[in-house]
Amino acid sequence: IAFAVVFGLLAVFIAQSWLNGQAARQVAGPAP
């Protein structure tokens, strides 16, 4: 159960970081 909780939290952190990066790239748009 402890391993499942740790890996679940790690997965959430990695997914959140990736989504934030994608959103920042989309807001910036392509380089002119």
ModelCIF file with pLDDT and N, C-alpha, C, O atoms, coordinates in Angstrom:
data_MODEL
#
_entry.id   MODEL 
#
_entity.id                         1 
_entity.type                       polymer 
_entity.pdbx_number_of_molecules   1 
#
_entity_poly.entity_id                      1 
_entity_poly.type                           'polypeptide(L)' 
_entity_poly.nstd_linkage                   no 
_entity_poly.nstd_monomer                   no 
_entity_poly.pdbx_seq_one_letter_code       IAFAVVFGLLAVFIAQSWLNGQAARQVAGPAP 
_entity_poly.pdbx_seq_one_letter_code_can   IAFAVVFGLLAVFIAQSWLNGQAARQVAGPAP 
_entity_poly.pdbx_strand_id                 A 
#
loop_
_entity_poly_seq.entity_id 
_entity_poly_seq.num 
_entity_poly_seq.mon_id 
_entity_poly_seq.hetero 
1 1  ILE n 
1 2  ALA n 
1 3  PHE n 
1 4  ALA n 
1 5  VAL n 
1 6  VAL n 
1 7  PHE n 
1 8  GLY n 
1 9  LEU n 
1 10 LEU n 
1 11 ALA n 
1 12 VAL n 
1 13 PHE n 
1 14 ILE n 
1 15 ALA n 
1 16 GLN n 
1 17 SER n 
1 18 TRP n 
1 19 LEU n 
1 20 ASN n 
1 21 GLY n 
1 22 GLN n 
1 23 ALA n 
1 24 ALA n 
1 25 ARG n 
1 26 GLN n 
1 27 VAL n 
1 28 ALA n 
1 29 GLY n 
1 30 PRO n 
1 31 ALA n 
1 32 PRO n 
#
_struct_asym.id          A 
_struct_asym.entity_id   1 
#
loop_
_ma_qa_metric.id 
_ma_qa_metric.mode 
_ma_qa_metric.name 
_ma_qa_metric.software_group_id 
_ma_qa_metric.type 
1 global pLDDT . pLDDT 
2 local  pLDDT . pLDDT 
#
_ma_qa_metric_global.metric_id      1 
_ma_qa_metric_global.metric_value   87.78 
_ma_qa_metric_global.model_id       1 
_ma_qa_metric_global.ordinal_id     1 
#
loop_
_ma_qa_metric_local.label_asym_id 
_ma_qa_metric_local.label_comp_id 
_ma_qa_metric_local.label_seq_id 
_ma_qa_metric_local.metric_id 
_ma_qa_metric_local.metric_value 
_ma_qa_metric_local.model_id 
_ma_qa_metric_local.ordinal_id 
A ILE 1  2 92.00 1 1  
A ALA 2  2 92.00 1 2  
A PHE 3  2 91.00 1 3  
A ALA 4  2 94.00 1 4  
A VAL 5  2 94.00 1 5  
A VAL 6  2 94.00 1 6  
A PHE 7  2 94.00 1 7  
A GLY 8  2 94.00 1 8  
A LEU 9  2 94.00 1 9  
A LEU 10 2 94.00 1 10 
A ALA 11 2 95.00 1 11 
A VAL 12 2 94.00 1 12 
A PHE 13 2 94.00 1 13 
A ILE 14 2 95.00 1 14 
A ALA 15 2 94.00 1 15 
A GLN 16 2 95.00 1 16 
A SER 17 2 93.00 1 17 
A TRP 18 2 93.00 1 18 
A LEU 19 2 92.00 1 19 
A ASN 20 2 91.00 1 20 
A GLY 21 2 89.00 1 21 
A GLN 22 2 88.00 1 22 
A ALA 23 2 86.00 1 23 
A ALA 24 2 84.00 1 24 
A ARG 25 2 83.00 1 25 
A GLN 26 2 81.00 1 26 
A VAL 27 2 79.00 1 27 
A ALA 28 2 73.00 1 28 
A GLY 29 2 71.00 1 29 
A PRO 30 2 72.00 1 30 
A ALA 31 2 65.00 1 31 
A PRO 32 2 69.00 1 32 
#
loop_
_atom_site.group_PDB 
_atom_site.id 
_atom_site.type_symbol 
_atom_site.label_atom_id 
_atom_site.label_alt_id 
_atom_site.label_comp_id 
_atom_site.label_asym_id 
_atom_site.label_entity_id 
_atom_site.label_seq_id 
_atom_site.pdbx_PDB_ins_code 
_atom_site.Cartn_x 
_atom_site.Cartn_y 
_atom_site.Cartn_z 
_atom_site.occupancy 
_atom_site.B_iso_or_equiv 
_atom_site.pdbx_formal_charge 
_atom_site.auth_seq_id 
_atom_site.auth_comp_id 
_atom_site.auth_asym_id 
_atom_site.auth_atom_id 
_atom_site.pdbx_PDB_model_num 
ATOM 1   N N  . ILE A 1 1  ? 0.848  -1.202 0.000   1.00 92.00 ? 1  ILE A N  1 
ATOM 2   C CA . ILE A 1 1  ? 0.000  0.000  0.000   1.00 92.00 ? 1  ILE A CA 1 
ATOM 3   C C  . ILE A 1 1  ? 0.879  1.246  0.000   1.00 92.00 ? 1  ILE A C  1 
ATOM 4   O O  . ILE A 1 1  ? 0.566  2.212  -0.696  1.00 92.00 ? 1  ILE A O  1 
ATOM 5   N N  . ALA A 1 2  ? 1.963  1.248  0.757   1.00 92.00 ? 2  ALA A N  1 
ATOM 6   C CA . ALA A 1 2  ? 2.883  2.394  0.791   1.00 92.00 ? 2  ALA A CA 1 
ATOM 7   C C  . ALA A 1 2  ? 3.521  2.614  -0.586  1.00 92.00 ? 2  ALA A C  1 
ATOM 8   O O  . ALA A 1 2  ? 3.610  3.750  -1.053  1.00 92.00 ? 2  ALA A O  1 
ATOM 9   N N  . PHE A 1 3  ? 3.970  1.517  -1.243  1.00 91.00 ? 3  PHE A N  1 
ATOM 10  C CA . PHE A 1 3  ? 4.540  1.644  -2.592  1.00 91.00 ? 3  PHE A CA 1 
ATOM 11  C C  . PHE A 1 3  ? 3.499  2.194  -3.570  1.00 91.00 ? 3  PHE A C  1 
ATOM 12  O O  . PHE A 1 3  ? 3.821  3.036  -4.408  1.00 91.00 ? 3  PHE A O  1 
ATOM 13  N N  . ALA A 1 4  ? 2.265  1.727  -3.467  1.00 94.00 ? 4  ALA A N  1 
ATOM 14  C CA . ALA A 1 4  ? 1.203  2.191  -4.365  1.00 94.00 ? 4  ALA A CA 1 
ATOM 15  C C  . ALA A 1 4  ? 0.935  3.682  -4.173  1.00 94.00 ? 4  ALA A C  1 
ATOM 16  O O  . ALA A 1 4  ? 0.754  4.416  -5.145  1.00 94.00 ? 4  ALA A O  1 
ATOM 17  N N  . VAL A 1 5  ? 0.911  4.125  -2.919  1.00 94.00 ? 5  VAL A N  1 
ATOM 18  C CA . VAL A 1 5  ? 0.675  5.551  -2.642  1.00 94.00 ? 5  VAL A CA 1 
ATOM 19  C C  . VAL A 1 5  ? 1.836  6.398  -3.172  1.00 94.00 ? 5  VAL A C  1 
ATOM 20  O O  . VAL A 1 5  ? 1.607  7.438  -3.790  1.00 94.00 ? 5  VAL A O  1 
ATOM 21  N N  . VAL A 1 6  ? 3.075  5.967  -2.937  1.00 94.00 ? 6  VAL A N  1 
ATOM 22  C CA . VAL A 1 6  ? 4.254  6.727  -3.396  1.00 94.00 ? 6  VAL A CA 1 
ATOM 23  C C  . VAL A 1 6  ? 4.270  6.811  -4.920  1.00 94.00 ? 6  VAL A C  1 
ATOM 24  O O  . VAL A 1 6  ? 4.455  7.893  -5.478  1.00 94.00 ? 6  VAL A O  1 
ATOM 25  N N  . PHE A 1 7  ? 4.079  5.682  -5.594  1.00 94.00 ? 7  PHE A N  1 
ATOM 26  C CA . PHE A 1 7  ? 4.093  5.707  -7.063  1.00 94.00 ? 7  PHE A CA 1 
ATOM 27  C C  . PHE A 1 7  ? 2.883  6.452  -7.631  1.00 94.00 ? 7  PHE A C  1 
ATOM 28  O O  . PHE A 1 7  ? 2.992  7.062  -8.695  1.00 94.00 ? 7  PHE A O  1 
ATOM 29  N N  . GLY A 1 8  ? 1.755  6.418  -6.964  1.00 94.00 ? 8  GLY A N  1 
ATOM 30  C CA . GLY A 1 8  ? 0.587  7.195  -7.394  1.00 94.00 ? 8  GLY A CA 1 
ATOM 31  C C  . GLY A 1 8  ? 0.854  8.684  -7.307  1.00 94.00 ? 8  GLY A C  1 
ATOM 32  O O  . GLY A 1 8  ? 0.543  9.433  -8.234  1.00 94.00 ? 8  GLY A O  1 
ATOM 33  N N  . LEU A 1 9  ? 1.435  9.119  -6.184  1.00 94.00 ? 9  LEU A N  1 
ATOM 34  C CA . LEU A 1 9  ? 1.781  10.543 -6.041  1.00 94.00 ? 9  LEU A CA 1 
ATOM 35  C C  . LEU A 1 9  ? 2.838  10.970 -7.057  1.00 94.00 ? 9  LEU A C  1 
ATOM 36  O O  . LEU A 1 9  ? 2.770  12.076 -7.592  1.00 94.00 ? 9  LEU A O  1 
ATOM 37  N N  . LEU A 1 10 ? 3.806  10.109 -7.324  1.00 94.00 ? 10 LEU A N  1 
ATOM 38  C CA . LEU A 1 10 ? 4.839  10.409 -8.329  1.00 94.00 ? 10 LEU A CA 1 
ATOM 39  C C  . LEU A 1 10 ? 4.210  10.561 -9.718  1.00 94.00 ? 10 LEU A C  1 
ATOM 40  O O  . LEU A 1 10 ? 4.567  11.464 -10.474 1.00 94.00 ? 10 LEU A O  1 
ATOM 41  N N  . ALA A 1 11 ? 3.275  9.672  -10.041 1.00 95.00 ? 11 ALA A N  1 
ATOM 42  C CA . ALA A 1 11 ? 2.600  9.752  -11.338 1.00 95.00 ? 11 ALA A CA 1 
ATOM 43  C C  . ALA A 1 11 ? 1.799  11.045 -11.462 1.00 95.00 ? 11 ALA A C  1 
ATOM 44  O O  . ALA A 1 11 ? 1.804  11.665 -12.526 1.00 95.00 ? 11 ALA A O  1 
ATOM 45  N N  . VAL A 1 12 ? 1.120  11.461 -10.412 1.00 94.00 ? 12 VAL A N  1 
ATOM 46  C CA . VAL A 1 12 ? 0.349  12.703 -10.426 1.00 94.00 ? 12 VAL A CA 1 
ATOM 47  C C  . VAL A 1 12 ? 1.281  13.897 -10.597 1.00 94.00 ? 12 VAL A C  1 
ATOM 48  O O  . VAL A 1 12 ? 0.978  14.809 -11.366 1.00 94.00 ? 12 VAL A O  1 
ATOM 49  N N  . PHE A 1 13 ? 2.406  13.907 -9.894  1.00 94.00 ? 13 PHE A N  1 
ATOM 50  C CA . PHE A 1 13 ? 3.356  15.017 -10.007 1.00 94.00 ? 13 PHE A CA 1 
ATOM 51  C C  . PHE A 1 13 ? 3.928  15.126 -11.427 1.00 94.00 ? 13 PHE A C  1 
ATOM 52  O O  . PHE A 1 13 ? 4.009  16.222 -11.981 1.00 94.00 ? 13 PHE A O  1 
ATOM 53  N N  . ILE A 1 14 ? 4.319  14.000 -12.008 1.00 95.00 ? 14 ILE A N  1 
ATOM 54  C CA . ILE A 1 14 ? 4.878  14.004 -13.372 1.00 95.00 ? 14 ILE A CA 1 
ATOM 55  C C  . ILE A 1 14 ? 3.819  14.450 -14.387 1.00 95.00 ? 14 ILE A C  1 
ATOM 56  O O  . ILE A 1 14 ? 4.119  15.238 -15.284 1.00 95.00 ? 14 ILE A O  1 
ATOM 57  N N  . ALA A 1 15 ? 2.585  13.953 -14.251 1.00 94.00 ? 15 ALA A N  1 
ATOM 58  C CA . ALA A 1 15 ? 1.520  14.340 -15.179 1.00 94.00 ? 15 ALA A CA 1 
ATOM 59  C C  . ALA A 1 15 ? 1.210  15.827 -15.071 1.00 94.00 ? 15 ALA A C  1 
ATOM 60  O O  . ALA A 1 15 ? 0.992  16.491 -16.085 1.00 94.00 ? 15 ALA A O  1 
ATOM 61  N N  . GLN A 1 16 ? 1.188  16.353 -13.852 1.00 95.00 ? 16 GLN A N  1 
ATOM 62  C CA . GLN A 1 16 ? 0.916  17.782 -13.653 1.00 95.00 ? 16 GLN A CA 1 
ATOM 63  C C  . GLN A 1 16 ? 2.016  18.636 -14.269 1.00 95.00 ? 16 GLN A C  1 
ATOM 64  O O  . GLN A 1 16 ? 1.726  19.656 -14.894 1.00 95.00 ? 16 GLN A O  1 
ATOM 65  N N  . SER A 1 17 ? 3.247  18.243 -14.105 1.00 93.00 ? 17 SER A N  1 
ATOM 66  C CA . SER A 1 17 ? 4.374  18.984 -14.693 1.00 93.00 ? 17 SER A CA 1 
ATOM 67  C C  . SER A 1 17 ? 4.290  18.979 -16.219 1.00 93.00 ? 17 SER A C  1 
ATOM 68  O O  . SER A 1 17 ? 4.516  20.008 -16.855 1.00 93.00 ? 17 SER A O  1 
ATOM 69  N N  . TRP A 1 18 ? 3.970  17.833 -16.802 1.00 93.00 ? 18 TRP A N  1 
ATOM 70  C CA . TRP A 1 18 ? 3.883  17.740 -18.254 1.00 93.00 ? 18 TRP A CA 1 
ATOM 71  C C  . TRP A 1 18 ? 2.744  18.604 -18.783 1.00 93.00 ? 18 TRP A C  1 
ATOM 72  O O  . TRP A 1 18 ? 2.916  19.303 -19.781 1.00 93.00 ? 18 TRP A O  1 
ATOM 73  N N  . LEU A 1 19 ? 1.588  18.567 -18.133 1.00 92.00 ? 19 LEU A N  1 
ATOM 74  C CA . LEU A 1 19 ? 0.446  19.376 -18.569 1.00 92.00 ? 19 LEU A CA 1 
ATOM 75  C C  . LEU A 1 19 ? 0.738  20.871 -18.450 1.00 92.00 ? 19 LEU A C  1 
ATOM 76  O O  . LEU A 1 19 ? 0.353  21.646 -19.326 1.00 92.00 ? 19 LEU A O  1 
ATOM 77  N N  . ASN A 1 20 ? 1.407  21.281 -17.385 1.00 91.00 ? 20 ASN A N  1 
ATOM 78  C CA . ASN A 1 20 ? 1.774  22.695 -17.248 1.00 91.00 ? 20 ASN A CA 1 
ATOM 79  C C  . ASN A 1 20 ? 2.721  23.136 -18.355 1.00 91.00 ? 20 ASN A C  1 
ATOM 80  O O  . ASN A 1 20 ? 2.600  24.243 -18.878 1.00 91.00 ? 20 ASN A O  1 
ATOM 81  N N  . GLY A 1 21 ? 3.662  22.271 -18.708 1.00 89.00 ? 21 GLY A N  1 
ATOM 82  C CA . GLY A 1 21 ? 4.589  22.579 -19.809 1.00 89.00 ? 21 GLY A CA 1 
ATOM 83  C C  . GLY A 1 21 ? 3.871  22.715 -21.136 1.00 89.00 ? 21 GLY A C  1 
ATOM 84  O O  . GLY A 1 21 ? 4.175  23.618 -21.915 1.00 89.00 ? 21 GLY A O  1 
ATOM 85  N N  . GLN A 1 22 ? 2.911  21.820 -21.406 1.00 88.00 ? 22 GLN A N  1 
ATOM 86  C CA . GLN A 1 22 ? 2.150  21.891 -22.648 1.00 88.00 ? 22 GLN A CA 1 
ATOM 87  C C  . GLN A 1 22 ? 1.312  23.163 -22.713 1.00 88.00 ? 22 GLN A C  1 
ATOM 88  O O  . GLN A 1 22 ? 1.216  23.802 -23.762 1.00 88.00 ? 22 GLN A O  1 
ATOM 89  N N  . ALA A 1 23 ? 0.711  23.523 -21.591 1.00 86.00 ? 23 ALA A N  1 
ATOM 90  C CA . ALA A 1 23 ? -0.104 24.740 -21.552 1.00 86.00 ? 23 ALA A CA 1 
ATOM 91  C C  . ALA A 1 23 ? 0.753  25.974 -21.782 1.00 86.00 ? 23 ALA A C  1 
ATOM 92  O O  . ALA A 1 23 ? 0.331  26.897 -22.480 1.00 86.00 ? 23 ALA A O  1 
ATOM 93  N N  . ALA A 1 24 ? 1.943  26.005 -21.209 1.00 84.00 ? 24 ALA A N  1 
ATOM 94  C CA . ALA A 1 24 ? 2.830  27.160 -21.400 1.00 84.00 ? 24 ALA A CA 1 
ATOM 95  C C  . ALA A 1 24 ? 3.261  27.278 -22.852 1.00 84.00 ? 24 ALA A C  1 
ATOM 96  O O  . ALA A 1 24 ? 3.345  28.385 -23.385 1.00 84.00 ? 24 ALA A O  1 
ATOM 97  N N  . ARG A 1 25 ? 3.537  26.140 -23.504 1.00 83.00 ? 25 ARG A N  1 
ATOM 98  C CA . ARG A 1 25 ? 3.925  26.192 -24.916 1.00 83.00 ? 25 ARG A CA 1 
ATOM 99  C C  . ARG A 1 25 ? 2.766  26.640 -25.793 1.00 83.00 ? 25 ARG A C  1 
ATOM 100 O O  . ARG A 1 25 ? 2.967  27.348 -26.779 1.00 83.00 ? 25 ARG A O  1 
ATOM 101 N N  . GLN A 1 26 ? 1.561  26.232 -25.438 1.00 81.00 ? 26 GLN A N  1 
ATOM 102 C CA . GLN A 1 26 ? 0.398  26.608 -26.235 1.00 81.00 ? 26 GLN A CA 1 
ATOM 103 C C  . GLN A 1 26 ? 0.089  28.095 -26.095 1.00 81.00 ? 26 GLN A C  1 
ATOM 104 O O  . GLN A 1 26 ? -0.298 28.737 -27.071 1.00 81.00 ? 26 GLN A O  1 
ATOM 105 N N  . VAL A 1 27 ? 0.254  28.644 -24.909 1.00 79.00 ? 27 VAL A N  1 
ATOM 106 C CA . VAL A 1 27 ? 0.011  30.068 -24.686 1.00 79.00 ? 27 VAL A CA 1 
ATOM 107 C C  . VAL A 1 27 ? 1.045  30.894 -25.440 1.00 79.00 ? 27 VAL A C  1 
ATOM 108 O O  . VAL A 1 27 ? 0.711  31.918 -26.035 1.00 79.00 ? 27 VAL A O  1 
ATOM 109 N N  . ALA A 1 28 ? 2.301  30.453 -25.416 1.00 73.00 ? 28 ALA A N  1 
ATOM 110 C CA . ALA A 1 28 ? 3.364  31.193 -26.101 1.00 73.00 ? 28 ALA A CA 1 
ATOM 111 C C  . ALA A 1 28 ? 3.175  31.157 -27.604 1.00 73.00 ? 28 ALA A C  1 
ATOM 112 O O  . ALA A 1 28 ? 3.553  32.107 -28.291 1.00 73.00 ? 28 ALA A O  1 
ATOM 113 N N  . GLY A 1 29 ? 2.602  30.093 -28.131 1.00 71.00 ? 29 GLY A N  1 
ATOM 114 C CA . GLY A 1 29 ? 2.389  29.977 -29.565 1.00 71.00 ? 29 GLY A CA 1 
ATOM 115 C C  . GLY A 1 29 ? 3.696  29.701 -30.277 1.00 71.00 ? 29 GLY A C  1 
ATOM 116 O O  . GLY A 1 29 ? 4.758  29.678 -29.654 1.00 71.00 ? 29 GLY A O  1 
ATOM 117 N N  . PRO A 1 30 ? 3.621  29.492 -31.580 1.00 72.00 ? 30 PRO A N  1 
ATOM 118 C CA . PRO A 1 30 ? 4.850  29.231 -32.331 1.00 72.00 ? 30 PRO A CA 1 
ATOM 119 C C  . PRO A 1 30 ? 5.710  30.487 -32.393 1.00 72.00 ? 30 PRO A C  1 
ATOM 120 O O  . PRO A 1 30 ? 5.200  31.607 -32.402 1.00 72.00 ? 30 PRO A O  1 
ATOM 121 N N  . ALA A 1 31 ? 6.987  30.286 -32.435 1.00 65.00 ? 31 ALA A N  1 
ATOM 122 C CA . ALA A 1 31 ? 7.915  31.415 -32.515 1.00 65.00 ? 31 ALA A CA 1 
ATOM 123 C C  . ALA A 1 31 ? 7.719  32.123 -33.858 1.00 65.00 ? 31 ALA A C  1 
ATOM 124 O O  . ALA A 1 31 ? 7.692  31.459 -34.894 1.00 65.00 ? 31 ALA A O  1 
ATOM 125 N N  . PRO A 1 32 ? 7.582  33.448 -33.867 1.00 69.00 ? 32 PRO A N  1 
ATOM 126 C CA . PRO A 1 32 ? 7.396  34.154 -35.130 1.00 69.00 ? 32 PRO A CA 1 
ATOM 127 C C  . PRO A 1 32 ? 8.647  34.055 -35.990 1.00 69.00 ? 32 PRO A C  1 
ATOM 128 O O  . PRO A 1 32 ? 8.679  34.592 -37.097 1.00 69.00 ? 32 PRO A O  1 
#
